[in-house]
Amino acid sequence: KAHEVEQQHSGSRGNPEYVDRVKLLEKEVSYYKDEASKAQSEVERLLDILREVETEKNDKDKKIAELESPPSTAPRHTPRSGSRAPPDPLPSVSAAPQQIGGMVWDFLGK
């Protein structure tokens, strides 16, 4: 195409309107090439950002999945609805003084 333009330039030197029109079109082509290059750079920049965000999202999803899944080495403690009872039931605090007091009275010979 550049060769065609050169032939048109050399053949049309007598027609200044044609030469001006070709120069204007060449400027427009140059402008739009620059704009296309800028747009492509912006697309690449945005794609990079998108990849980073997707990577972060995937990392967070993996972390959530890890936290939600039970560990493979230790059994997972599941809280019961209601109150938690200790594994070995201990006497209640209110019962302890009665037992001790009863033992003291037994000792003293009530």
C-alpha atoms as a PDB file:
ATOM      1  CA  LYS A   1       0.000   0.000   0.000  1.00  0.00           C
ATOM      2  CA  ALA A   2       2.872   2.351   0.689  1.00  0.00           C
ATOM      3  CA  HIS A   3       4.048   1.725  -2.873  1.00  0.00           C
ATOM      4  CA  GLU A   4       0.584   2.615  -4.189  1.00  0.00           C
ATOM      5  CA  VAL A   5       0.596   5.839  -2.177  1.00  0.00           C
ATOM      6  CA  GLU A   6       4.023   6.757  -3.573  1.00  0.00           C
ATOM      7  CA  GLN A   7       2.780   6.195  -7.119  1.00  0.00           C
ATOM      8  CA  GLN A   8      -0.283   8.293  -6.406  1.00  0.00           C
ATOM      9  CA  HIS A   9       1.912  11.049  -4.923  1.00  0.00           C
ATOM     10  CA  SER A  10       4.210  11.143  -7.927  1.00  0.00           C
ATOM     11  CA  GLY A  11       1.345  10.973 -10.417  1.00  0.00           C
ATOM     12  CA  SER A  12      -0.730  13.608  -8.714  1.00  0.00           C
ATOM     13  CA  ARG A  13       1.756  16.384  -8.101  1.00  0.00           C
ATOM     14  CA  GLY A  14      -0.279  18.611 -10.312  1.00  0.00           C
ATOM     15  CA  ASN A  15      -3.414  18.161  -8.161  1.00  0.00           C
ATOM     16  CA  PRO A  16      -2.849  19.909  -4.782  1.00  0.00           C
ATOM     17  CA  GLU A  17      -6.304  18.923  -3.468  1.00  0.00           C
ATOM     18  CA  TYR A  18      -5.466  15.256  -3.935  1.00  0.00           C
ATOM     19  CA  VAL A  19      -2.076  15.638  -2.235  1.00  0.00           C
ATOM     20  CA  ASP A  20      -3.660  17.451   0.706  1.00  0.00           C
ATOM     21  CA  ARG A  21      -6.339  14.797   0.988  1.00  0.00           C
ATOM     22  CA  VAL A  22      -3.725  11.993   1.022  1.00  0.00           C
ATOM     23  CA  LYS A  23      -1.675  13.833   3.684  1.00  0.00           C
ATOM     24  CA  LEU A  24      -4.798  14.273   5.794  1.00  0.00           C
ATOM     25  CA  LEU A  25      -5.655  10.592   5.438  1.00  0.00           C
ATOM     26  CA  GLU A  26      -2.087   9.604   6.363  1.00  0.00           C
ATOM     27  CA  LYS A  27      -2.357  11.744   9.501  1.00  0.00           C
ATOM     28  CA  GLU A  28      -5.647  10.073  10.351  1.00  0.00           C
ATOM     29  CA  VAL A  29      -4.142   6.614   9.827  1.00  0.00           C
ATOM     30  CA  SER A  30      -1.219   7.546  12.075  1.00  0.00           C
ATOM     31  CA  TYR A  31      -3.583   8.936  14.724  1.00  0.00           C
ATOM     32  CA  TYR A  32      -5.774   5.835  14.726  1.00  0.00           C
ATOM     33  CA  LYS A  33      -2.730   3.543  14.824  1.00  0.00           C
ATOM     34  CA  ASP A  34      -1.558   5.402  17.936  1.00  0.00           C
ATOM     35  CA  GLU A  35      -5.032   5.200  19.461  1.00  0.00           C
ATOM     36  CA  ALA A  36      -5.236   1.484  18.684  1.00  0.00           C
ATOM     37  CA  SER A  37      -1.827   0.967  20.284  1.00  0.00           C
ATOM     38  CA  LYS A  38      -2.914   2.874  23.402  1.00  0.00           C
ATOM     39  CA  ALA A  39      -6.156   0.907  23.543  1.00  0.00           C
ATOM     40  CA  GLN A  40      -4.264  -2.380  23.213  1.00  0.00           C
ATOM     41  CA  SER A  41      -1.929  -1.349  26.035  1.00  0.00           C
ATOM     42  CA  GLU A  42      -4.934  -0.511  28.197  1.00  0.00           C
ATOM     43  CA  VAL A  43      -6.551  -3.867  27.394  1.00  0.00           C
ATOM     44  CA  GLU A  44      -3.341  -5.659  28.386  1.00  0.00           C
ATOM     45  CA  ARG A  45      -3.116  -3.626  31.605  1.00  0.00           C
ATOM     46  CA  LEU A  46      -6.723  -4.449  32.503  1.00  0.00           C
ATOM     47  CA  LEU A  47      -6.224  -8.138  31.677  1.00  0.00           C
ATOM     48  CA  ASP A  48      -3.222  -8.196  34.024  1.00  0.00           C
ATOM     49  CA  ILE A  49      -5.352  -6.663  36.778  1.00  0.00           C
ATOM     50  CA  LEU A  50      -8.109  -9.178  36.071  1.00  0.00           C
ATOM     51  CA  ARG A  51      -5.634 -12.063  36.328  1.00  0.00           C
ATOM     52  CA  GLU A  52      -4.342 -10.723  39.655  1.00  0.00           C
ATOM     53  CA  VAL A  53      -7.865 -10.361  41.035  1.00  0.00           C
ATOM     54  CA  GLU A  54      -8.795 -13.860  39.837  1.00  0.00           C
ATOM     55  CA  THR A  55      -5.670 -15.270  41.476  1.00  0.00           C
ATOM     56  CA  GLU A  56      -6.484 -13.487  44.736  1.00  0.00           C
ATOM     57  CA  LYS A  57     -10.084 -14.742  44.563  1.00  0.00           C
ATOM     58  CA  ASN A  58      -8.926 -18.318  43.945  1.00  0.00           C
ATOM     59  CA  ASP A  59      -6.481 -18.072  46.857  1.00  0.00           C
ATOM     60  CA  LYS A  60      -9.243 -16.800  49.129  1.00  0.00           C
ATOM     61  CA  ASP A  61     -11.625 -19.516  47.923  1.00  0.00           C
ATOM     62  CA  LYS A  62      -8.984 -22.155  48.687  1.00  0.00           C
ATOM     63  CA  LYS A  63      -8.411 -20.670  52.134  1.00  0.00           C
ATOM     64  CA  ILE A  64     -12.163 -20.681  52.823  1.00  0.00           C
ATOM     65  CA  ALA A  65     -12.417 -24.284  51.654  1.00  0.00           C
ATOM     66  CA  GLU A  66      -9.501 -25.236  53.923  1.00  0.00           C
ATOM     67  CA  LEU A  67     -11.119 -23.542  56.908  1.00  0.00           C
ATOM     68  CA  GLU A  68     -14.502 -25.125  56.205  1.00  0.00           C
ATOM     69  CA  SER A  69     -13.191 -28.657  55.677  1.00  0.00           C
ATOM     70  CA  PRO A  70     -12.186 -30.817  58.662  1.00  0.00           C
ATOM     71  CA  PRO A  71      -8.447 -31.306  59.178  1.00  0.00           C
ATOM     72  CA  SER A  72      -7.245 -34.669  57.948  1.00  0.00           C
ATOM     73  CA  THR A  73      -5.027 -35.472  60.987  1.00  0.00           C
ATOM     74  CA  ALA A  74      -7.187 -34.538  63.979  1.00  0.00           C
ATOM     75  CA  PRO A  75     -10.890 -35.065  64.573  1.00  0.00           C
ATOM     76  CA  ARG A  76     -12.834 -31.877  64.406  1.00  0.00           C
ATOM     77  CA  HIS A  77     -14.662 -30.736  67.532  1.00  0.00           C
ATOM     78  CA  THR A  78     -18.234 -29.877  66.674  1.00  0.00           C
ATOM     79  CA  PRO A  79     -19.919 -27.587  69.164  1.00  0.00           C
ATOM     80  CA  ARG A  80     -23.282 -28.848  70.395  1.00  0.00           C
ATOM     81  CA  SER A  81     -26.307 -26.696  70.465  1.00  0.00           C
ATOM     82  CA  GLY A  82     -27.054 -25.827  74.058  1.00  0.00           C
ATOM     83  CA  SER A  83     -24.522 -26.197  76.853  1.00  0.00           C
ATOM     84  CA  ARG A  84     -21.161 -27.865  76.601  1.00  0.00           C
ATOM     85  CA  ALA A  85     -20.587 -30.676  79.078  1.00  0.00           C
ATOM     86  CA  PRO A  86     -17.042 -31.613  80.081  1.00  0.00           C
ATOM     87  CA  PRO A  87     -15.956 -35.089  78.969  1.00  0.00           C
ATOM     88  CA  ASP A  88     -15.664 -36.330  82.569  1.00  0.00           C
ATOM     89  CA  PRO A  89     -18.568 -34.990  84.641  1.00  0.00           C
ATOM     90  CA  LEU A  90     -17.378 -33.399  87.850  1.00  0.00           C
ATOM     91  CA  PRO A  91     -19.506 -32.918  90.951  1.00  0.00           C
ATOM     92  CA  SER A  92     -21.238 -29.579  90.965  1.00  0.00           C
ATOM     93  CA  VAL A  93     -19.782 -26.819  93.098  1.00  0.00           C
ATOM     94  CA  SER A  94     -22.943 -26.624  95.181  1.00  0.00           C
ATOM     95  CA  ALA A  95     -22.696 -30.349  96.038  1.00  0.00           C
ATOM     96  CA  ALA A  96     -19.060 -30.194  97.127  1.00  0.00           C
ATOM     97  CA  PRO A  97     -19.608 -28.334 100.439  1.00  0.00           C
ATOM     98  CA  GLN A  98     -22.366 -30.728 101.395  1.00  0.00           C
ATOM     99  CA  GLN A  99     -20.102 -33.698 100.834  1.00  0.00           C
ATOM    100  CA  ILE A 100     -17.273 -32.111 102.753  1.00  0.00           C
ATOM    101  CA  GLY A 101     -19.589 -30.922 105.481  1.00  0.00           C
ATOM    102  CA  GLY A 102     -21.146 -34.355 105.713  1.00  0.00           C
ATOM    103  CA  MET A 103     -17.720 -35.926 106.043  1.00  0.00           C
ATOM    104  CA  VAL A 104     -16.810 -33.459 108.799  1.00  0.00           C
ATOM    105  CA  TRP A 105     -19.992 -34.248 110.713  1.00  0.00           C
ATOM    106  CA  ASP A 106     -19.383 -37.953 110.256  1.00  0.00           C
ATOM    107  CA  PHE A 107     -15.894 -37.458 111.651  1.00  0.00           C
ATOM    108  CA  LEU A 108     -17.133 -35.454 114.590  1.00  0.00           C
ATOM    109  CA  GLY A 109     -19.763 -38.055 115.275  1.00  0.00           C
ATOM    110  CA  LYS A 110     -22.992 -36.178 114.672  1.00  0.00           C
END
